[in-house]
Structures are given as C-alpha cells and as structure tokens.
PDB file of N, CA and C in Angstrom:
ATOM      1  N   MET A   1     -38.575  62.557  33.012  1.00  0.00           N
ATOM      2  CA  MET A   1     -38.155  61.896  31.823  1.00  0.00           C
ATOM      3  C   MET A   1     -36.974  61.803  31.916  1.00  0.00           C
ATOM      4  N   LEU A   2     -36.241  63.452  31.703  1.00  0.00           N
ATOM      5  CA  LEU A   2     -34.806  63.635  31.648  1.00  0.00           C
ATOM      6  C   LEU A   2     -34.253  63.653  32.981  1.00  0.00           C
ATOM      7  N   SER A   3     -32.845  63.095  33.160  1.00  0.00           N
ATOM      8  CA  SER A   3     -32.135  63.131  34.149  1.00  0.00           C
ATOM      9  C   SER A   3     -31.341  64.020  33.776  1.00  0.00           C
ATOM     10  N   PRO A   4     -30.447  64.724  34.855  1.00  0.00           N
ATOM     11  CA  PRO A   4     -29.484  65.410  34.849  1.00  0.00           C
ATOM     12  C   PRO A   4     -28.174  64.903  33.730  1.00  0.00           C
ATOM     13  N   ASP A   5     -27.974  63.409  33.969  1.00  0.00           N
ATOM     14  CA  ASP A   5     -26.773  62.872  33.192  1.00  0.00           C
ATOM     15  C   ASP A   5     -27.215  62.107  31.828  1.00  0.00           C
ATOM     16  N   ARG A   6     -28.575  62.695  31.532  1.00  0.00           N
ATOM     17  CA  ARG A   6     -29.072  62.478  30.031  1.00  0.00           C
ATOM     18  C   ARG A   6     -28.460  63.738  29.156  1.00  0.00           C
ATOM     19  N   VAL A   7     -28.798  63.288  28.041  1.00  0.00           N
ATOM     20  CA  VAL A   7     -28.641  64.401  26.942  1.00  0.00           C
ATOM     21  C   VAL A   7     -29.612  65.443  27.217  1.00  0.00           C
ATOM     22  N   ALA A   8     -29.254  66.845  26.871  1.00  0.00           N
ATOM     23  CA  ALA A   8     -29.859  68.070  26.967  1.00  0.00           C
ATOM     24  C   ALA A   8     -31.113  67.865  26.121  1.00  0.00           C
ATOM     25  N   PRO A   9     -32.149  68.460  26.447  1.00  0.00           N
ATOM     26  CA  PRO A   9     -33.533  68.260  25.494  1.00  0.00           C
ATOM     27  C   PRO A   9     -33.161  68.751  24.333  1.00  0.00           C
ATOM     28  N   ARG A  10     -32.394  70.060  24.037  1.00  0.00           N
ATOM     29  CA  ARG A  10     -32.079  70.318  22.577  1.00  0.00           C
ATOM     30  C   ARG A  10     -31.401  69.688  21.871  1.00  0.00           C
ATOM     31  N   GLU A  11     -30.489  69.044  22.465  1.00  0.00           N
ATOM     32  CA  GLU A  11     -29.587  68.005  21.625  1.00  0.00           C
ATOM     33  C   GLU A  11     -30.273  66.916  21.336  1.00  0.00           C
ATOM     34  N   GLU A  12     -31.057  66.365  22.270  1.00  0.00           N
ATOM     35  CA  GLU A  12     -32.041  65.117  21.998  1.00  0.00           C
ATOM     36  C   GLU A  12     -32.990  65.366  20.961  1.00  0.00           C
ATOM     37  N   ALA A  13     -33.345  66.627  20.871  1.00  0.00           N
ATOM     38  CA  ALA A  13     -34.381  66.931  19.706  1.00  0.00           C
ATOM     39  C   ALA A  13     -33.865  67.194  18.481  1.00  0.00           C
ATOM     40  N   GLU A  14     -32.595  67.346  18.343  1.00  0.00           N
ATOM     41  CA  GLU A  14     -31.733  67.471  17.038  1.00  0.00           C
ATOM     42  C   GLU A  14     -31.402  66.309  16.806  1.00  0.00           C
ATOM     43  N   ALA A  15     -31.065  65.415  17.585  1.00  0.00           N
ATOM     44  CA  ALA A  15     -30.969  64.013  17.411  1.00  0.00           C
ATOM     45  C   ALA A  15     -31.932  63.399  16.558  1.00  0.00           C
ATOM     46  N   ILE A  16     -33.131  63.446  17.313  1.00  0.00           N
ATOM     47  CA  ILE A  16     -34.170  62.776  16.722  1.00  0.00           C
ATOM     48  C   ILE A  16     -34.583  63.597  15.432  1.00  0.00           C
ATOM     49  N   ALA A  17     -34.354  64.992  15.196  1.00  0.00           N
ATOM     50  CA  ALA A  17     -34.313  65.326  13.777  1.00  0.00           C
ATOM     51  C   ALA A  17     -33.780  64.893  12.905  1.00  0.00           C
ATOM     52  N   ARG A  18     -32.467  64.467  13.312  1.00  0.00           N
ATOM     53  CA  ARG A  18     -31.714  64.032  12.272  1.00  0.00           C
ATOM     54  C   ARG A  18     -32.025  62.774  11.936  1.00  0.00           C
ATOM     55  N   LEU A  19     -32.335  61.700  12.893  1.00  0.00           N
ATOM     56  CA  LEU A  19     -32.642  60.429  12.663  1.00  0.00           C
ATOM     57  C   LEU A  19     -33.895  60.135  12.017  1.00  0.00           C
ATOM     58  N   SER A  20     -34.783  61.247  12.046  1.00  0.00           N
ATOM     59  CA  SER A  20     -36.142  61.157  11.376  1.00  0.00           C
ATOM     60  C   SER A  20     -35.788  61.506   9.830  1.00  0.00           C
ATOM     61  N   ARG A  21     -35.004  62.709   9.494  1.00  0.00           N
ATOM     62  CA  ARG A  21     -34.652  62.887   8.275  1.00  0.00           C
ATOM     63  C   ARG A  21     -33.707  61.850   7.475  1.00  0.00           C
ATOM     64  N   THR A  22     -33.071  60.941   8.192  1.00  0.00           N
ATOM     65  CA  THR A  22     -32.591  59.768   7.570  1.00  0.00           C
ATOM     66  C   THR A  22     -33.407  58.771   7.286  1.00  0.00           C
ATOM     67  N   ARG A  23     -34.244  58.647   8.427  1.00  0.00           N
ATOM     68  CA  ARG A  23     -35.220  57.525   7.888  1.00  0.00           C
ATOM     69  C   ARG A  23     -36.259  57.697   6.696  1.00  0.00           C
ATOM     70  N   SER A  24     -36.273  59.096   6.702  1.00  0.00           N
ATOM     71  CA  SER A  24     -37.176  59.545   5.557  1.00  0.00           C
ATOM     72  C   SER A  24     -36.540  59.435   4.226  1.00  0.00           C
ATOM     73  N   ARG A  25     -35.319  59.851   4.113  1.00  0.00           N
ATOM     74  CA  ARG A  25     -34.453  59.625   3.109  1.00  0.00           C
ATOM     75  C   ARG A  25     -34.587  58.311   2.453  1.00  0.00           C
ATOM     76  N   VAL A  26     -34.190  57.297   3.562  1.00  0.00           N
ATOM     77  CA  VAL A  26     -34.080  55.901   3.315  1.00  0.00           C
ATOM     78  C   VAL A  26     -35.411  55.498   2.578  1.00  0.00           C
ATOM     79  N   ALA A  27     -36.509  55.916   3.281  1.00  0.00           N
ATOM     80  CA  ALA A  27     -37.877  55.365   2.786  1.00  0.00           C
ATOM     81  C   ALA A  27     -38.152  56.162   1.326  1.00  0.00           C
ATOM     82  N   ILE A  28     -37.758  57.124   1.195  1.00  0.00           N
ATOM     83  CA  ILE A  28     -38.062  57.863  -0.072  1.00  0.00           C
ATOM     84  C   ILE A  28     -37.335  57.007  -1.040  1.00  0.00           C
ATOM     85  N   VAL A  29     -35.890  56.826  -1.100  1.00  0.00           N
ATOM     86  CA  VAL A  29     -35.076  56.213  -1.990  1.00  0.00           C
ATOM     87  C   VAL A  29     -35.714  54.514  -2.210  1.00  0.00           C
ATOM     88  N   LEU A  30     -36.065  53.883  -1.328  1.00  0.00           N
ATOM     89  CA  LEU A  30     -36.561  52.476  -1.303  1.00  0.00           C
ATOM     90  C   LEU A  30     -37.880  52.716  -2.101  1.00  0.00           C
ATOM     91  N   SER A  31     -38.781  53.604  -1.686  1.00  0.00           N
ATOM     92  CA  SER A  31     -40.277  53.927  -2.566  1.00  0.00           C
ATOM     93  C   SER A  31     -40.030  54.154  -4.071  1.00  0.00           C
ATOM     94  N   LEU A  32     -38.966  54.834  -4.423  1.00  0.00           N
ATOM     95  CA  LEU A  32     -38.647  55.409  -5.893  1.00  0.00           C
ATOM     96  C   LEU A  32     -38.177  54.137  -6.271  1.00  0.00           C
ATOM     97  N   VAL A  33     -37.329  53.528  -5.684  1.00  0.00           N
ATOM     98  CA  VAL A  33     -36.750  52.094  -6.471  1.00  0.00           C
ATOM     99  C   VAL A  33     -37.853  50.890  -6.769  1.00  0.00           C
ATOM    100  N   MET A  34     -38.872  51.214  -6.061  1.00  0.00           N
ATOM    101  CA  MET A  34     -40.091  50.107  -6.199  1.00  0.00           C
ATOM    102  C   MET A  34     -40.913  50.770  -7.073  1.00  0.00           C
ATOM    103  N   ILE A  35     -41.278  52.025  -7.152  1.00  0.00           N
ATOM    104  CA  ILE A  35     -42.137  52.868  -8.051  1.00  0.00           C
ATOM    105  C   ILE A  35     -41.484  52.494  -9.504  1.00  0.00           C
ATOM    106  N   THR A  36     -40.040  52.771  -9.583  1.00  0.00           N
ATOM    107  CA  THR A  36     -39.605  52.639 -10.881  1.00  0.00           C
ATOM    108  C   THR A  36     -39.720  51.254 -11.323  1.00  0.00           C
ATOM    109  N   MET A  37     -39.472  50.056 -10.638  1.00  0.00           N
ATOM    110  CA  MET A  37     -39.528  49.054 -10.928  1.00  0.00           C
ATOM    111  C   MET A  37     -40.854  48.438 -11.437  1.00  0.00           C
ATOM    112  N   TYR A  38     -41.907  48.900 -10.552  1.00  0.00           N
ATOM    113  CA  TYR A  38     -43.425  48.646 -11.033  1.00  0.00           C
ATOM    114  C   TYR A  38     -43.692  49.287 -12.372  1.00  0.00           C
ATOM    115  N   PHE A  39     -43.677  50.402 -12.459  1.00  0.00           N
ATOM    116  CA  PHE A  39     -44.168  51.466 -13.271  1.00  0.00           C
ATOM    117  C   PHE A  39     -43.220  50.818 -14.763  1.00  0.00           C
ATOM    118  N   GLY A  40     -41.751  50.757 -14.493  1.00  0.00           N
ATOM    119  CA  GLY A  40     -41.093  50.121 -15.770  1.00  0.00           C
ATOM    120  C   GLY A  40     -41.722  49.030 -16.220  1.00  0.00           C
ATOM    121  N   PHE A  41     -42.165  47.903 -15.165  1.00  0.00           N
ATOM    122  CA  PHE A  41     -42.762  46.796 -15.740  1.00  0.00           C
ATOM    123  C   PHE A  41     -44.168  47.063 -16.547  1.00  0.00           C
ATOM    124  N   MET A  42     -44.813  47.953 -16.123  1.00  0.00           N
ATOM    125  CA  MET A  42     -46.330  48.215 -16.684  1.00  0.00           C
ATOM    126  C   MET A  42     -45.911  48.880 -17.940  1.00  0.00           C
ATOM    127  N   THR A  43     -44.930  49.817 -17.974  1.00  0.00           N
ATOM    128  CA  THR A  43     -44.886  50.496 -19.218  1.00  0.00           C
ATOM    129  C   THR A  43     -44.478  49.594 -20.368  1.00  0.00           C
ATOM    130  N   MET A  44     -43.644  48.811 -19.990  1.00  0.00           N
ATOM    131  CA  MET A  44     -43.369  47.558 -20.912  1.00  0.00           C
ATOM    132  C   MET A  44     -44.415  46.969 -21.254  1.00  0.00           C
ATOM    133  N   LEU A  45     -45.126  46.473 -20.581  1.00  0.00           N
ATOM    134  CA  LEU A  45     -46.210  45.507 -20.787  1.00  0.00           C
ATOM    135  C   LEU A  45     -47.412  46.531 -21.606  1.00  0.00           C
ATOM    136  N   ALA A  46     -47.246  47.824 -21.725  1.00  0.00           N
ATOM    137  CA  ALA A  46     -48.142  48.681 -22.305  1.00  0.00           C
ATOM    138  C   ALA A  46     -47.732  48.862 -23.714  1.00  0.00           C
ATOM    139  N   PHE A  47     -46.416  49.034 -23.717  1.00  0.00           N
ATOM    140  CA  PHE A  47     -46.003  49.690 -25.164  1.00  0.00           C
ATOM    141  C   PHE A  47     -44.876  48.826 -25.798  1.00  0.00           C
ATOM    142  N   ALA A  48     -44.725  47.624 -25.003  1.00  0.00           N
ATOM    143  CA  ALA A  48     -43.546  46.813 -25.635  1.00  0.00           C
ATOM    144  C   ALA A  48     -43.900  45.354 -25.784  1.00  0.00           C
ATOM    145  N   LYS A  49     -45.069  45.231 -26.188  1.00  0.00           N
ATOM    146  CA  LYS A  49     -45.722  43.825 -26.192  1.00  0.00           C
ATOM    147  C   LYS A  49     -45.356  42.759 -26.658  1.00  0.00           C
ATOM    148  N   THR A  50     -44.759  43.294 -28.049  1.00  0.00           N
ATOM    149  CA  THR A  50     -43.807  42.117 -28.718  1.00  0.00           C
ATOM    150  C   THR A  50     -42.561  41.653 -27.790  1.00  0.00           C
ATOM    151  N   ALA A  51     -41.829  42.704 -27.309  1.00  0.00           N
ATOM    152  CA  ALA A  51     -40.725  42.265 -26.358  1.00  0.00           C
ATOM    153  C   ALA A  51     -41.243  41.457 -25.147  1.00  0.00           C
ATOM    154  N   MET A  52     -42.270  41.957 -24.663  1.00  0.00           N
ATOM    155  CA  MET A  52     -42.659  41.089 -23.382  1.00  0.00           C
ATOM    156  C   MET A  52     -43.206  39.695 -23.661  1.00  0.00           C
ATOM    157  N   GLY A  53     -43.495  39.453 -24.768  1.00  0.00           N
ATOM    158  CA  GLY A  53     -44.038  38.236 -25.232  1.00  0.00           C
ATOM    159  C   GLY A  53     -42.937  37.352 -25.814  1.00  0.00           C
ATOM    160  N   THR A  54     -41.750  37.897 -25.960  1.00  0.00           N
ATOM    161  CA  THR A  54     -40.480  36.887 -26.317  1.00  0.00           C
ATOM    162  C   THR A  54     -40.480  35.629 -25.242  1.00  0.00           C
ATOM    163  N   ILE A  55     -40.533  34.401 -26.011  1.00  0.00           N
ATOM    164  CA  ILE A  55     -40.254  33.456 -25.437  1.00  0.00           C
ATOM    165  C   ILE A  55     -39.015  32.904 -24.955  1.00  0.00           C
ATOM    166  N   LEU A  56     -38.478  32.989 -23.945  1.00  0.00           N
ATOM    167  CA  LEU A  56     -37.241  32.548 -23.389  1.00  0.00           C
ATOM    168  C   LEU A  56     -36.751  31.167 -23.501  1.00  0.00           C
ATOM    169  N   MET A  57     -37.820  30.266 -23.183  1.00  0.00           N
ATOM    170  CA  MET A  57     -37.877  28.878 -22.861  1.00  0.00           C
ATOM    171  C   MET A  57     -39.282  28.386 -22.908  1.00  0.00           C
ATOM    172  N   PRO A  58     -39.492  27.372 -23.245  1.00  0.00           N
ATOM    173  CA  PRO A  58     -40.978  26.895 -23.407  1.00  0.00           C
ATOM    174  C   PRO A  58     -41.634  27.034 -21.829  1.00  0.00           C
ATOM    175  N   GLY A  59     -42.871  27.834 -21.980  1.00  0.00           N
ATOM    176  CA  GLY A  59     -43.585  28.043 -20.756  1.00  0.00           C
ATOM    177  C   GLY A  59     -42.933  29.219 -19.940  1.00  0.00           C
ATOM    178  N   LEU A  60     -41.986  30.043 -20.310  1.00  0.00           N
ATOM    179  CA  LEU A  60     -41.216  31.097 -19.750  1.00  0.00           C
ATOM    180  C   LEU A  60     -41.167  32.185 -20.716  1.00  0.00           C
ATOM    181  N   SER A  61     -42.057  33.318 -20.659  1.00  0.00           N
ATOM    182  CA  SER A  61     -41.807  34.404 -21.586  1.00  0.00           C
ATOM    183  C   SER A  61     -41.045  35.596 -20.627  1.00  0.00           C
ATOM    184  N   LEU A  62     -40.459  36.581 -21.259  1.00  0.00           N
ATOM    185  CA  LEU A  62     -39.829  37.550 -20.943  1.00  0.00           C
ATOM    186  C   LEU A  62     -40.915  38.240 -19.651  1.00  0.00           C
ATOM    187  N   CYS A  63     -42.007  38.359 -20.071  1.00  0.00           N
ATOM    188  CA  CYS A  63     -43.152  39.061 -19.091  1.00  0.00           C
ATOM    189  C   CYS A  63     -43.187  38.454 -18.246  1.00  0.00           C
ATOM    190  N   ILE A  64     -43.188  37.096 -18.061  1.00  0.00           N
ATOM    191  CA  ILE A  64     -43.422  36.299 -16.569  1.00  0.00           C
ATOM    192  C   ILE A  64     -42.255  36.484 -15.726  1.00  0.00           C
ATOM    193  N   LEU A  65     -40.856  36.445 -16.500  1.00  0.00           N
ATOM    194  CA  LEU A  65     -39.590  36.501 -15.893  1.00  0.00           C
ATOM    195  C   LEU A  65     -39.593  37.929 -14.976  1.00  0.00           C
ATOM    196  N   LEU A  66     -39.988  39.128 -15.808  1.00  0.00           N
ATOM    197  CA  LEU A  66     -40.119  40.654 -15.196  1.00  0.00           C
ATOM    198  C   LEU A  66     -40.828  40.700 -14.260  1.00  0.00           C
ATOM    199  N   GLY A  67     -42.305  39.906 -14.287  1.00  0.00           N
ATOM    200  CA  GLY A  67     -43.249  39.876 -13.225  1.00  0.00           C
ATOM    201  C   GLY A  67     -42.806  39.575 -11.910  1.00  0.00           C
ATOM    202  N   ALA A  68     -42.054  38.219 -12.209  1.00  0.00           N
ATOM    203  CA  ALA A  68     -41.439  37.765 -11.149  1.00  0.00           C
ATOM    204  C   ALA A  68     -40.624  38.435 -10.480  1.00  0.00           C
ATOM    205  N   GLY A  69     -39.811  39.067 -11.395  1.00  0.00           N
ATOM    206  CA  GLY A  69     -38.543  39.921 -10.902  1.00  0.00           C
ATOM    207  C   GLY A  69     -39.041  41.354 -10.185  1.00  0.00           C
ATOM    208  N   VAL A  70     -40.284  41.647 -10.431  1.00  0.00           N
ATOM    209  CA  VAL A  70     -40.957  42.806  -9.692  1.00  0.00           C
ATOM    210  C   VAL A  70     -41.339  42.188  -8.187  1.00  0.00           C
ATOM    211  N   ILE A  71     -41.956  41.164  -8.184  1.00  0.00           N
ATOM    212  CA  ILE A  71     -42.313  40.595  -6.820  1.00  0.00           C
ATOM    213  C   ILE A  71     -41.031  40.231  -5.951  1.00  0.00           C
ATOM    214  N   VAL A  72     -39.977  39.726  -6.468  1.00  0.00           N
ATOM    215  CA  VAL A  72     -38.814  39.303  -5.733  1.00  0.00           C
ATOM    216  C   VAL A  72     -38.175  40.563  -5.363  1.00  0.00           C
ATOM    217  N   GLY A  73     -38.072  41.487  -6.256  1.00  0.00           N
ATOM    218  CA  GLY A  73     -37.457  42.887  -6.179  1.00  0.00           C
ATOM    219  C   GLY A  73     -38.064  43.334  -4.805  1.00  0.00           C
ATOM    220  N   SER A  74     -39.640  43.382  -4.860  1.00  0.00           N
ATOM    221  CA  SER A  74     -40.116  44.022  -3.533  1.00  0.00           C
ATOM    222  C   SER A  74     -39.921  43.470  -2.348  1.00  0.00           C
ATOM    223  N   PHE A  75     -39.505  41.971  -2.315  1.00  0.00           N
ATOM    224  CA  PHE A  75     -39.157  41.448  -0.982  1.00  0.00           C
ATOM    225  C   PHE A  75     -37.652  41.680  -0.726  1.00  0.00           C
ATOM    226  N   VAL A  76     -36.861  42.105  -1.422  1.00  0.00           N
ATOM    227  CA  VAL A  76     -35.484  42.618  -1.702  1.00  0.00           C
ATOM    228  C   VAL A  76     -35.457  43.786  -0.971  1.00  0.00           C
ATOM    229  N   LEU A  77     -36.214  44.786  -1.376  1.00  0.00           N
ATOM    230  CA  LEU A  77     -36.167  46.276  -0.598  1.00  0.00           C
ATOM    231  C   LEU A  77     -36.945  46.038   0.689  1.00  0.00           C
ATOM    232  N   CYS A  78     -37.714  45.164   0.576  1.00  0.00           N
ATOM    233  CA  CYS A  78     -38.159  45.009   2.399  1.00  0.00           C
ATOM    234  C   CYS A  78     -36.954  44.521   3.294  1.00  0.00           C
ATOM    235  N   LEU A  79     -36.088  43.522   2.538  1.00  0.00           N
ATOM    236  CA  LEU A  79     -35.141  42.938   3.270  1.00  0.00           C
ATOM    237  C   LEU A  79     -34.050  44.146   3.580  1.00  0.00           C
ATOM    238  N   VAL A  80     -33.849  44.988   2.670  1.00  0.00           N
ATOM    239  CA  VAL A  80     -32.948  46.010   2.944  1.00  0.00           C
ATOM    240  C   VAL A  80     -33.283  46.695   3.648  1.00  0.00           C
ATOM    241  N   TYR A  81     -34.476  47.592   4.006  1.00  0.00           N
ATOM    242  CA  TYR A  81     -35.102  48.109   4.785  1.00  0.00           C
ATOM    243  C   TYR A  81     -35.141  47.418   6.311  1.00  0.00           C
ATOM    244  N   VAL A  82     -35.401  46.029   6.455  1.00  0.00           N
ATOM    245  CA  VAL A  82     -35.378  45.561   7.736  1.00  0.00           C
ATOM    246  C   VAL A  82     -33.676  45.630   8.191  1.00  0.00           C
ATOM    247  N   VAL A  83     -32.943  45.578   7.374  1.00  0.00           N
ATOM    248  CA  VAL A  83     -31.516  45.221   7.739  1.00  0.00           C
ATOM    249  C   VAL A  83     -30.959  46.483   7.985  1.00  0.00           C
ATOM    250  N   TRP A  84     -31.247  47.441   7.307  1.00  0.00           N
ATOM    251  CA  TRP A  84     -30.904  49.139   7.757  1.00  0.00           C
ATOM    252  C   TRP A  84     -31.652  49.283   9.037  1.00  0.00           C
ATOM    253  N   ALA A  85     -32.771  49.157   9.316  1.00  0.00           N
ATOM    254  CA  ALA A  85     -33.365  49.458  10.471  1.00  0.00           C
ATOM    255  C   ALA A  85     -32.879  48.643  11.600  1.00  0.00           C
ATOM    256  N   ASN A  86     -32.544  47.381  11.638  1.00  0.00           N
ATOM    257  CA  ASN A  86     -31.941  46.743  12.784  1.00  0.00           C
ATOM    258  C   ASN A  86     -30.376  47.041  12.970  1.00  0.00           C
ATOM    259  N   ARG A  87     -29.546  47.453  11.889  1.00  0.00           N
ATOM    260  CA  ARG A  87     -28.336  47.825  11.990  1.00  0.00           C
ATOM    261  C   ARG A  87     -28.219  49.253  12.514  1.00  0.00           C
ATOM    262  N   PHE A  88     -29.006  50.394  12.153  1.00  0.00           N
ATOM    263  CA  PHE A  88     -28.571  51.653  12.257  1.00  0.00           C
ATOM    264  C   PHE A  88     -29.732  52.253  12.784  1.00  0.00           C
ATOM    265  N   TYR A  89     -31.122  52.254  12.321  1.00  0.00           N
ATOM    266  CA  TYR A  89     -32.001  53.167  12.957  1.00  0.00           C
ATOM    267  C   TYR A  89     -32.428  52.520  14.467  1.00  0.00           C
ATOM    268  N   ASP A  90     -32.815  51.247  14.762  1.00  0.00           N
ATOM    269  CA  ASP A  90     -32.932  50.983  16.215  1.00  0.00           C
ATOM    270  C   ASP A  90     -31.893  51.119  17.329  1.00  0.00           C
ATOM    271  N   PRO A  91     -30.562  50.928  16.820  1.00  0.00           N
ATOM    272  CA  PRO A  91     -29.538  51.392  17.878  1.00  0.00           C
ATOM    273  C   PRO A  91     -29.410  52.790  18.048  1.00  0.00           C
ATOM    274  N   ALA A  92     -29.675  53.495  17.144  1.00  0.00           N
ATOM    275  CA  ALA A  92     -29.948  55.148  17.318  1.00  0.00           C
ATOM    276  C   ALA A  92     -30.912  55.554  17.897  1.00  0.00           C
ATOM    277  N   VAL A  93     -32.201  55.018  17.902  1.00  0.00           N
ATOM    278  CA  VAL A  93     -33.275  55.275  18.577  1.00  0.00           C
ATOM    279  C   VAL A  93     -32.843  54.858  20.326  1.00  0.00           C
ATOM    280  N   ARG A  94     -32.346  53.690  20.037  1.00  0.00           N
ATOM    281  CA  ARG A  94     -32.450  53.245  21.562  1.00  0.00           C
ATOM    282  C   ARG A  94     -30.887  54.099  22.517  1.00  0.00           C
ATOM    283  N   ARG A  95     -29.952  54.695  21.575  1.00  0.00           N
ATOM    284  CA  ARG A  95     -28.837  55.720  22.164  1.00  0.00           C
ATOM    285  C   ARG A  95     -29.644  56.877  22.562  1.00  0.00           C
ATOM    286  N   ILE A  96     -30.560  57.428  21.728  1.00  0.00           N
ATOM    287  CA  ILE A  96     -31.426  58.736  21.722  1.00  0.00           C
ATOM    288  C   ILE A  96     -32.192  58.583  23.202  1.00  0.00           C
ATOM    289  N   MET A  97     -32.849  57.356  23.607  1.00  0.00           N
ATOM    290  CA  MET A  97     -33.824  57.286  24.251  1.00  0.00           C
ATOM    291  C   MET A  97     -33.125  56.885  25.614  1.00  0.00           C
ATOM    292  N   SER A  98     -31.776  56.390  25.616  1.00  0.00           N
ATOM    293  CA  SER A  98     -31.213  56.114  26.852  1.00  0.00           C
ATOM    294  C   SER A  98     -30.796  57.052  27.708  1.00  0.00           C
TER     295      SER A  98
END
C-alpha cells in the first residue's frame, strides 16, 4: 500500500490522528449546539409556559416560532457540517491517502 515516495507510515498515522481529533471536535461542538437548542426549547416549554404562549400575531405564538427555529437550526447545523467536510475534511483525507 505504501510506496517509497509516499508519506512515512508514522507521519501518516499522526496526520490521521490529527484529522480524527479535528473531526471529533467539530462533531462535539455541533452536537452541543444542537443539544443546547433542543433542551433550551424544552426547558422554556416546561418552565416558561406563559412566555411561550405569547401570541406574536394571529395564529403564531412564540412556542411555534421557537419550535420551527429548532427544526431550521438542526438543518443549518447539518449544512455547516457538510460544508466543513467538503472544504476541509474530505480534501485532507484525500491528501493523506494519496
């Protein structure tokens, strides 16, 4: 698998380990943001019912708006990960493997 013109196995292993740590950090940060959004919404729903019931306009309460925000936020976090993976992670994997 390795030819003499390729990166030495030890250097390749170190590069893989660094890349793995970076990917883990990104995943942990994005997961913590999602958990914070979700449990923040659930906490407000449980303990701030009057605030969540505030009518912003006919047919739209703060609860509905924030609930939709959690859903949209999850899609945005997914998009952030995909963009990061396409711009940084995938090219780094290709560099290491080539």
